[in-house]
């Protein structure tokens, strides 16, 4: 029996959440589809040094909102889109 492998990028960052990114979730999804990927994991930064601690709740809410927007777009395109977080231990 032939195994089915899928091509997923396990670590992408989006603009507006991770300062190192200049692309939106929608742009990430379109680019990955063009490159033949079937999915991606949105792993924006969530380290305690990345934002002021008093902004933690608001920051996490922005991370989740960004993911939901990207997930809705991905679903329209038939693209797998998952939520992760980049943390430092």
PDB file of N, CA and C in Angstrom:
ATOM      1  N   UNK A   1       0.835  -1.167   0.000  1.00  0.00           N
ATOM      2  CA  UNK A   1       0.000   0.000   0.000  1.00  0.00           C
ATOM      3  C   UNK A   1       0.896   1.251   0.000  1.00  0.00           C
ATOM      4  N   UNK A   2       0.572   2.180  -0.875  1.00  0.00           N
ATOM      5  CA  UNK A   2       1.368   3.400  -1.006  1.00  0.00           C
ATOM      6  C   UNK A   2       1.027   4.374   0.122  1.00  0.00           C
ATOM      7  N   UNK A   3       2.080   4.930   0.767  1.00  0.00           N
ATOM      8  CA  UNK A   3       1.867   5.922   1.814  1.00  0.00           C
ATOM      9  C   UNK A   3       1.617   7.281   1.187  1.00  0.00           C
ATOM     10  N   UNK A   4       0.738   8.054   1.803  1.00  0.00           N
ATOM     11  CA  UNK A   4       0.448   9.414   1.349  1.00  0.00           C
ATOM     12  C   UNK A   4       1.106  10.386   2.310  1.00  0.00           C
ATOM     13  N   UNK A   5       2.018  11.164   1.793  1.00  0.00           N
ATOM     14  CA  UNK A   5       2.655  12.196   2.582  1.00  0.00           C
ATOM     15  C   UNK A   5       2.120  13.548   2.140  1.00  0.00           C
ATOM     16  N   UNK A   6       1.982  14.456   3.079  1.00  0.00           N
ATOM     17  CA  UNK A   6       1.564  15.801   2.720  1.00  0.00           C
ATOM     18  C   UNK A   6       2.681  16.775   3.051  1.00  0.00           C
ATOM     19  N   UNK A   7       2.782  17.803   2.250  1.00  0.00           N
ATOM     20  CA  UNK A   7       3.828  18.806   2.411  1.00  0.00           C
ATOM     21  C   UNK A   7       3.264  19.954   3.254  1.00  0.00           C
ATOM     22  N   UNK A   8       3.778  20.093   4.487  1.00  0.00           N
ATOM     23  CA  UNK A   8       3.329  21.130   5.415  1.00  0.00           C
ATOM     24  C   UNK A   8       4.548  21.907   5.912  1.00  0.00           C
ATOM     25  N   UNK A   9       4.432  23.222   5.926  1.00  0.00           N
ATOM     26  CA  UNK A   9       5.466  24.058   6.540  1.00  0.00           C
ATOM     27  C   UNK A   9       5.115  24.175   8.023  1.00  0.00           C
ATOM     28  N   UNK A  10       5.953  23.652   8.917  1.00  0.00           N
ATOM     29  CA  UNK A  10       5.601  23.614  10.332  1.00  0.00           C
ATOM     30  C   UNK A  10       5.891  24.895  11.117  1.00  0.00           C
ATOM     31  N   UNK A  11       6.357  25.944  10.427  1.00  0.00           N
ATOM     32  CA  UNK A  11       6.753  27.125  11.196  1.00  0.00           C
ATOM     33  C   UNK A  11       6.680  28.386  10.333  1.00  0.00           C
ATOM     34  N   UNK A  12       5.542  29.099  10.394  1.00  0.00           N
ATOM     35  CA  UNK A  12       5.405  30.365   9.675  1.00  0.00           C
ATOM     36  C   UNK A  12       4.949  31.462  10.632  1.00  0.00           C
ATOM     37  N   UNK A  13       5.370  32.689  10.342  1.00  0.00           N
ATOM     38  CA  UNK A  13       5.002  33.863  11.144  1.00  0.00           C
ATOM     39  C   UNK A  13       4.231  34.843  10.280  1.00  0.00           C
ATOM     40  N   UNK A  14       3.290  35.557  10.892  1.00  0.00           N
ATOM     41  CA  UNK A  14       2.494  36.526  10.142  1.00  0.00           C
ATOM     42  C   UNK A  14       2.744  37.957  10.607  1.00  0.00           C
ATOM     43  N   UNK A  15       2.571  38.861   9.662  1.00  0.00           N
ATOM     44  CA  UNK A  15       2.720  40.302   9.870  1.00  0.00           C
ATOM     45  C   UNK A  15       1.696  40.784  10.901  1.00  0.00           C
ATOM     46  N   UNK A  16       2.112  41.703  11.726  1.00  0.00           N
ATOM     47  CA  UNK A  16       1.207  42.270  12.715  1.00  0.00           C
ATOM     48  C   UNK A  16       1.269  41.561  14.050  1.00  0.00           C
ATOM     49  N   UNK A  17       1.761  40.345  14.049  1.00  0.00           N
ATOM     50  CA  UNK A  17       1.933  39.598  15.293  1.00  0.00           C
ATOM     51  C   UNK A  17       3.427  39.398  15.549  1.00  0.00           C
ATOM     52  N   UNK A  18       4.096  38.765  14.617  1.00  0.00           N
ATOM     53  CA  UNK A  18       5.543  38.561  14.734  1.00  0.00           C
ATOM     54  C   UNK A  18       6.264  39.652  13.949  1.00  0.00           C
ATOM     55  N   UNK A  19       7.090  40.404  14.636  1.00  0.00           N
ATOM     56  CA  UNK A  19       7.787  41.544  14.011  1.00  0.00           C
ATOM     57  C   UNK A  19       8.737  41.127  12.892  1.00  0.00           C
ATOM     58  N   UNK A  20       9.094  39.855  12.835  1.00  0.00           N
ATOM     59  CA  UNK A  20      10.021  39.380  11.817  1.00  0.00           C
ATOM     60  C   UNK A  20       9.329  39.074  10.488  1.00  0.00           C
ATOM     61  N   UNK A  21       8.014  39.218  10.427  1.00  0.00           N
ATOM     62  CA  UNK A  21       7.278  38.862   9.211  1.00  0.00           C
ATOM     63  C   UNK A  21       6.695  40.091   8.526  1.00  0.00           C
ATOM     64  N   UNK A  22       6.735  40.075   7.205  1.00  0.00           N
ATOM     65  CA  UNK A  22       6.160  41.145   6.391  1.00  0.00           C
ATOM     66  C   UNK A  22       4.968  40.654   5.578  1.00  0.00           C
ATOM     67  N   UNK A  23       4.422  39.476   5.887  1.00  0.00           N
ATOM     68  CA  UNK A  23       3.334  38.909   5.103  1.00  0.00           C
ATOM     69  C   UNK A  23       2.153  38.517   6.000  1.00  0.00           C
ATOM     70  N   UNK A  24       0.955  38.668   5.453  1.00  0.00           N
ATOM     71  CA  UNK A  24      -0.263  38.286   6.164  1.00  0.00           C
ATOM     72  C   UNK A  24      -0.485  36.784   6.056  1.00  0.00           C
ATOM     73  N   UNK A  25      -1.430  36.281   6.834  1.00  0.00           N
ATOM     74  CA  UNK A  25      -1.789  34.856   6.737  1.00  0.00           C
ATOM     75  C   UNK A  25      -2.237  34.524   5.321  1.00  0.00           C
ATOM     76  N   UNK A  26      -3.021  35.409   4.731  1.00  0.00           N
ATOM     77  CA  UNK A  26      -3.516  35.161   3.380  1.00  0.00           C
ATOM     78  C   UNK A  26      -2.362  35.074   2.382  1.00  0.00           C
ATOM     79  N   UNK A  27      -1.390  35.948   2.519  1.00  0.00           N
ATOM     80  CA  UNK A  27      -0.222  35.916   1.631  1.00  0.00           C
ATOM     81  C   UNK A  27       0.600  34.646   1.849  1.00  0.00           C
ATOM     82  N   UNK A  28       0.724  34.228   3.095  1.00  0.00           N
ATOM     83  CA  UNK A  28       1.437  32.977   3.403  1.00  0.00           C
ATOM     84  C   UNK A  28       0.737  31.809   2.714  1.00  0.00           C
ATOM     85  N   UNK A  29      -0.560  31.743   2.872  1.00  0.00           N
ATOM     86  CA  UNK A  29      -1.340  30.632   2.312  1.00  0.00           C
ATOM     87  C   UNK A  29      -1.214  30.603   0.796  1.00  0.00           C
ATOM     88  N   UNK A  30      -1.391  31.754   0.156  1.00  0.00           N
ATOM     89  CA  UNK A  30      -1.275  31.811  -1.310  1.00  0.00           C
ATOM     90  C   UNK A  30       0.113  31.373  -1.776  1.00  0.00           C
ATOM     91  N   UNK A  31       1.152  31.847  -1.083  1.00  0.00           N
ATOM     92  CA  UNK A  31       2.526  31.496  -1.466  1.00  0.00           C
ATOM     93  C   UNK A  31       2.782  30.006  -1.274  1.00  0.00           C
ATOM     94  N   UNK A  32       2.314  29.458  -0.174  1.00  0.00           N
ATOM     95  CA  UNK A  32       2.533  28.033   0.094  1.00  0.00           C
ATOM     96  C   UNK A  32       1.791  27.163  -0.920  1.00  0.00           C
ATOM     97  N   UNK A  33       0.570  27.550  -1.276  1.00  0.00           N
ATOM     98  CA  UNK A  33      -0.175  26.808  -2.295  1.00  0.00           C
ATOM     99  C   UNK A  33       0.589  26.839  -3.615  1.00  0.00           C
ATOM    100  N   UNK A  34       1.093  28.008  -3.973  1.00  0.00           N
ATOM    101  CA  UNK A  34       1.856  28.145  -5.221  1.00  0.00           C
ATOM    102  C   UNK A  34       3.101  27.263  -5.220  1.00  0.00           C
ATOM    103  N   UNK A  35       3.681  27.052  -4.043  1.00  0.00           N
ATOM    104  CA  UNK A  35       4.883  26.226  -3.930  1.00  0.00           C
ATOM    105  C   UNK A  35       4.568  24.735  -3.769  1.00  0.00           C
ATOM    106  N   UNK A  36       3.288  24.393  -3.764  1.00  0.00           N
ATOM    107  CA  UNK A  36       2.907  22.984  -3.687  1.00  0.00           C
ATOM    108  C   UNK A  36       2.674  22.453  -2.290  1.00  0.00           C
ATOM    109  N   UNK A  37       2.603  23.331  -1.296  1.00  0.00           N
ATOM    110  CA  UNK A  37       2.327  22.894   0.071  1.00  0.00           C
ATOM    111  C   UNK A  37       0.839  22.622   0.235  1.00  0.00           C
ATOM    112  N   UNK A  38       0.515  21.724   1.161  1.00  0.00           N
ATOM    113  CA  UNK A  38      -0.877  21.410   1.461  1.00  0.00           C
ATOM    114  C   UNK A  38      -1.299  21.961   2.816  1.00  0.00           C
ATOM    115  N   UNK A  39      -0.355  22.543   3.548  1.00  0.00           N
ATOM    116  CA  UNK A  39      -0.689  23.085   4.854  1.00  0.00           C
ATOM    117  C   UNK A  39       0.465  23.846   5.461  1.00  0.00           C
ATOM    118  N   UNK A  40       0.145  24.536   6.564  1.00  0.00           N
ATOM    119  CA  UNK A  40       1.153  25.297   7.316  1.00  0.00           C
ATOM    120  C   UNK A  40       0.694  25.427   8.760  1.00  0.00           C
ATOM    121  N   UNK A  41       1.667  25.619   9.636  1.00  0.00           N
ATOM    122  CA  UNK A  41       1.383  25.853  11.054  1.00  0.00           C
ATOM    123  C   UNK A  41       1.812  27.279  11.368  1.00  0.00           C
ATOM    124  N   UNK A  42       0.846  28.097  11.784  1.00  0.00           N
ATOM    125  CA  UNK A  42       1.124  29.479  12.163  1.00  0.00           C
ATOM    126  C   UNK A  42       1.715  29.475  13.560  1.00  0.00           C
ATOM    127  N   UNK A  43       2.985  29.816  13.672  1.00  0.00           N
ATOM    128  CA  UNK A  43       3.705  29.730  14.952  1.00  0.00           C
ATOM    129  C   UNK A  43       4.286  31.091  15.315  1.00  0.00           C
ATOM    130  N   UNK A  44       3.419  32.064  15.491  1.00  0.00           N
ATOM    131  CA  UNK A  44       3.895  33.399  15.848  1.00  0.00           C
ATOM    132  C   UNK A  44       4.579  33.388  17.204  1.00  0.00           C
ATOM    133  N   UNK A  45       5.421  34.391  17.407  1.00  0.00           N
ATOM    134  CA  UNK A  45       6.151  34.529  18.666  1.00  0.00           C
ATOM    135  C   UNK A  45       5.191  34.719  19.832  1.00  0.00           C
ATOM    136  N   UNK A  46       5.506  34.109  20.955  1.00  0.00           N
ATOM    137  CA  UNK A  46       4.728  34.312  22.175  1.00  0.00           C
ATOM    138  C   UNK A  46       5.647  34.172  23.396  1.00  0.00           C
ATOM    139  N   UNK A  47       6.848  34.692  23.261  1.00  0.00           N
ATOM    140  CA  UNK A  47       7.790  34.667  24.374  1.00  0.00           C
ATOM    141  C   UNK A  47       7.512  35.848  25.303  1.00  0.00           C
ATOM    142  N   UNK A  48       7.803  35.675  26.578  1.00  0.00           N
ATOM    143  CA  UNK A  48       7.501  36.731  27.552  1.00  0.00           C
ATOM    144  C   UNK A  48       8.293  38.006  27.293  1.00  0.00           C
ATOM    145  N   UNK A  49       9.423  37.903  26.606  1.00  0.00           N
ATOM    146  CA  UNK A  49      10.233  39.093  26.308  1.00  0.00           C
ATOM    147  C   UNK A  49       9.747  39.814  25.056  1.00  0.00           C
ATOM    148  N   UNK A  50       8.771  39.241  24.349  1.00  0.00           N
ATOM    149  CA  UNK A  50       8.351  39.760  23.050  1.00  0.00           C
ATOM    150  C   UNK A  50       7.370  40.917  23.152  1.00  0.00           C
ATOM    151  N   UNK A  51       6.690  41.051  24.269  1.00  0.00           N
ATOM    152  CA  UNK A  51       5.705  42.108  24.468  1.00  0.00           C
ATOM    153  C   UNK A  51       5.654  42.409  25.963  1.00  0.00           C
ATOM    154  N   UNK A  52       5.191  43.608  26.341  1.00  0.00           N
ATOM    155  CA  UNK A  52       5.070  43.919  27.769  1.00  0.00           C
ATOM    156  C   UNK A  52       4.081  42.971  28.455  1.00  0.00           C
ATOM    157  N   UNK A  53       4.408  42.486  29.635  1.00  0.00           N
ATOM    158  CA  UNK A  53       3.594  41.490  30.317  1.00  0.00           C
ATOM    159  C   UNK A  53       2.161  41.946  30.556  1.00  0.00           C
ATOM    160  N   UNK A  54       1.965  43.247  30.763  1.00  0.00           N
ATOM    161  CA  UNK A  54       0.600  43.741  30.980  1.00  0.00           C
ATOM    162  C   UNK A  54      -0.261  43.639  29.707  1.00  0.00           C
ATOM    163  N   UNK A  55       0.376  43.365  28.573  1.00  0.00           N
ATOM    164  CA  UNK A  55      -0.345  43.213  27.305  1.00  0.00           C
ATOM    165  C   UNK A  55      -0.572  41.746  26.936  1.00  0.00           C
ATOM    166  N   UNK A  56      -0.232  40.828  27.852  1.00  0.00           N
ATOM    167  CA  UNK A  56      -0.312  39.396  27.530  1.00  0.00           C
ATOM    168  C   UNK A  56      -1.684  38.987  26.998  1.00  0.00           C
ATOM    169  N   UNK A  57      -2.750  39.311  27.731  1.00  0.00           N
ATOM    170  CA  UNK A  57      -4.090  38.880  27.318  1.00  0.00           C
ATOM    171  C   UNK A  57      -4.442  39.455  25.946  1.00  0.00           C
ATOM    172  N   UNK A  58      -4.202  40.739  25.739  1.00  0.00           N
ATOM    173  CA  UNK A  58      -4.506  41.361  24.443  1.00  0.00           C
ATOM    174  C   UNK A  58      -3.669  40.765  23.329  1.00  0.00           C
ATOM    175  N   UNK A  59      -2.408  40.470  23.623  1.00  0.00           N
ATOM    176  CA  UNK A  59      -1.526  39.887  22.610  1.00  0.00           C
ATOM    177  C   UNK A  59      -2.035  38.515  22.187  1.00  0.00           C
ATOM    178  N   UNK A  60      -2.371  37.679  23.156  1.00  0.00           N
ATOM    179  CA  UNK A  60      -2.864  36.339  22.843  1.00  0.00           C
ATOM    180  C   UNK A  60      -4.169  36.419  22.053  1.00  0.00           C
ATOM    181  N   UNK A  61      -5.039  37.345  22.397  1.00  0.00           N
ATOM    182  CA  UNK A  61      -6.289  37.528  21.649  1.00  0.00           C
ATOM    183  C   UNK A  61      -5.997  37.920  20.196  1.00  0.00           C
ATOM    184  N   UNK A  62      -4.997  38.773  19.968  1.00  0.00           N
ATOM    185  CA  UNK A  62      -4.610  39.150  18.601  1.00  0.00           C
ATOM    186  C   UNK A  62      -4.070  37.952  17.840  1.00  0.00           C
ATOM    187  N   UNK A  63      -3.276  37.117  18.509  1.00  0.00           N
ATOM    188  CA  UNK A  63      -2.735  35.901  17.885  1.00  0.00           C
ATOM    189  C   UNK A  63      -3.879  35.007  17.415  1.00  0.00           C
ATOM    190  N   UNK A  64      -4.870  34.821  18.263  1.00  0.00           N
ATOM    191  CA  UNK A  64      -6.000  33.946  17.942  1.00  0.00           C
ATOM    192  C   UNK A  64      -6.858  34.551  16.833  1.00  0.00           C
ATOM    193  N   UNK A  65      -7.117  35.854  16.890  1.00  0.00           N
ATOM    194  CA  UNK A  65      -7.881  36.529  15.818  1.00  0.00           C
ATOM    195  C   UNK A  65      -7.179  36.370  14.471  1.00  0.00           C
ATOM    196  N   UNK A  66      -5.873  36.580  14.470  1.00  0.00           N
ATOM    197  CA  UNK A  66      -5.090  36.452  13.237  1.00  0.00           C
ATOM    198  C   UNK A  66      -5.208  35.044  12.684  1.00  0.00           C
ATOM    199  N   UNK A  67      -5.102  34.045  13.558  1.00  0.00           N
ATOM    200  CA  UNK A  67      -5.238  32.660  13.127  1.00  0.00           C
ATOM    201  C   UNK A  67      -6.619  32.396  12.534  1.00  0.00           C
ATOM    202  N   UNK A  68      -7.683  32.837  13.220  1.00  0.00           N
ATOM    203  CA  UNK A  68      -9.040  32.581  12.731  1.00  0.00           C
ATOM    204  C   UNK A  68      -9.271  33.206  11.351  1.00  0.00           C
ATOM    205  N   UNK A  69      -8.739  34.394  11.132  1.00  0.00           N
ATOM    206  CA  UNK A  69      -8.855  35.027   9.815  1.00  0.00           C
ATOM    207  C   UNK A  69      -8.135  34.170   8.769  1.00  0.00           C
ATOM    208  N   UNK A  70      -6.920  33.745   9.088  1.00  0.00           N
ATOM    209  CA  UNK A  70      -6.160  32.897   8.173  1.00  0.00           C
ATOM    210  C   UNK A  70      -6.825  31.548   7.960  1.00  0.00           C
ATOM    211  N   UNK A  71      -7.382  30.974   9.011  1.00  0.00           N
ATOM    212  CA  UNK A  71      -8.039  29.664   8.908  1.00  0.00           C
ATOM    213  C   UNK A  71      -9.253  29.740   7.996  1.00  0.00           C
ATOM    214  N   UNK A  72     -10.036  30.805   8.109  1.00  0.00           N
ATOM    215  CA  UNK A  72     -11.210  30.970   7.238  1.00  0.00           C
ATOM    216  C   UNK A  72     -10.765  31.054   5.780  1.00  0.00           C
ATOM    217  N   UNK A  73      -9.696  31.799   5.533  1.00  0.00           N
ATOM    218  CA  UNK A  73      -9.173  31.930   4.168  1.00  0.00           C
ATOM    219  C   UNK A  73      -8.643  30.581   3.672  1.00  0.00           C
ATOM    220  N   UNK A  74      -7.914  29.885   4.527  1.00  0.00           N
ATOM    221  CA  UNK A  74      -7.358  28.579   4.166  1.00  0.00           C
ATOM    222  C   UNK A  74      -8.465  27.586   3.836  1.00  0.00           C
ATOM    223  N   UNK A  75      -9.525  27.589   4.625  1.00  0.00           N
ATOM    224  CA  UNK A  75     -10.642  26.673   4.388  1.00  0.00           C
ATOM    225  C   UNK A  75     -11.255  26.919   3.008  1.00  0.00           C
ATOM    226  N   UNK A  76     -11.368  28.185   2.618  1.00  0.00           N
ATOM    227  CA  UNK A  76     -11.895  28.519   1.287  1.00  0.00           C
ATOM    228  C   UNK A  76     -11.016  27.939   0.176  1.00  0.00           C
ATOM    229  N   UNK A  77      -9.713  27.839   0.442  1.00  0.00           N
ATOM    230  CA  UNK A  77      -8.751  27.365  -0.554  1.00  0.00           C
ATOM    231  C   UNK A  77      -8.488  25.862  -0.468  1.00  0.00           C
ATOM    232  N   UNK A  78      -9.083  25.190   0.515  1.00  0.00           N
ATOM    233  CA  UNK A  78      -8.819  23.766   0.700  1.00  0.00           C
ATOM    234  C   UNK A  78      -7.418  23.504   1.233  1.00  0.00           C
ATOM    235  N   UNK A  79      -6.898  24.415   2.048  1.00  0.00           N
ATOM    236  CA  UNK A  79      -5.533  24.372   2.577  1.00  0.00           C
ATOM    237  C   UNK A  79      -5.602  24.100   4.079  1.00  0.00           C
ATOM    238  N   UNK A  80      -4.754  23.217   4.558  1.00  0.00           N
ATOM    239  CA  UNK A  80      -4.701  22.932   6.003  1.00  0.00           C
ATOM    240  C   UNK A  80      -3.951  24.065   6.703  1.00  0.00           C
ATOM    241  N   UNK A  81      -4.525  24.599   7.769  1.00  0.00           N
ATOM    242  CA  UNK A  81      -3.897  25.709   8.499  1.00  0.00           C
ATOM    243  C   UNK A  81      -4.097  25.469   9.984  1.00  0.00           C
ATOM    244  N   UNK A  82      -2.986  25.362  10.708  1.00  0.00           N
ATOM    245  CA  UNK A  82      -3.019  24.991  12.115  1.00  0.00           C
ATOM    246  C   UNK A  82      -2.429  26.109  12.975  1.00  0.00           C
ATOM    247  N   UNK A  83      -2.813  26.106  14.249  1.00  0.00           N
ATOM    248  CA  UNK A  83      -2.303  27.101  15.195  1.00  0.00           C
ATOM    249  C   UNK A  83      -1.255  26.478  16.088  1.00  0.00           C
ATOM    250  N   UNK A  84      -0.131  27.136  16.173  1.00  0.00           N
ATOM    251  CA  UNK A  84       0.932  26.789  17.114  1.00  0.00           C
ATOM    252  C   UNK A  84       1.426  28.085  17.719  1.00  0.00           C
ATOM    253  N   UNK A  85       2.412  28.031  18.567  1.00  0.00           N
ATOM    254  CA  UNK A  85       3.046  29.220  19.139  1.00  0.00           C
ATOM    255  C   UNK A  85       4.534  28.960  19.271  1.00  0.00           C
ATOM    256  N   UNK A  86       5.318  29.997  19.041  1.00  0.00           N
ATOM    257  CA  UNK A  86       6.750  29.881  19.300  1.00  0.00           C
ATOM    258  C   UNK A  86       7.000  30.402  20.702  1.00  0.00           C
ATOM    259  N   UNK A  87       7.487  29.543  21.553  1.00  0.00           N
ATOM    260  CA  UNK A  87       7.775  29.915  22.934  1.00  0.00           C
ATOM    261  C   UNK A  87       9.212  29.533  23.279  1.00  0.00           C
ATOM    262  N   UNK A  88       9.754  30.176  24.283  1.00  0.00           N
ATOM    263  CA  UNK A  88      11.081  29.834  24.787  1.00  0.00           C
ATOM    264  C   UNK A  88      10.917  29.269  26.187  1.00  0.00           C
ATOM    265  N   UNK A  89      11.570  28.153  26.443  1.00  0.00           N
ATOM    266  CA  UNK A  89      11.486  27.526  27.763  1.00  0.00           C
ATOM    267  C   UNK A  89      12.784  27.698  28.507  1.00  0.00           C
TER     268      UNK A  89
END
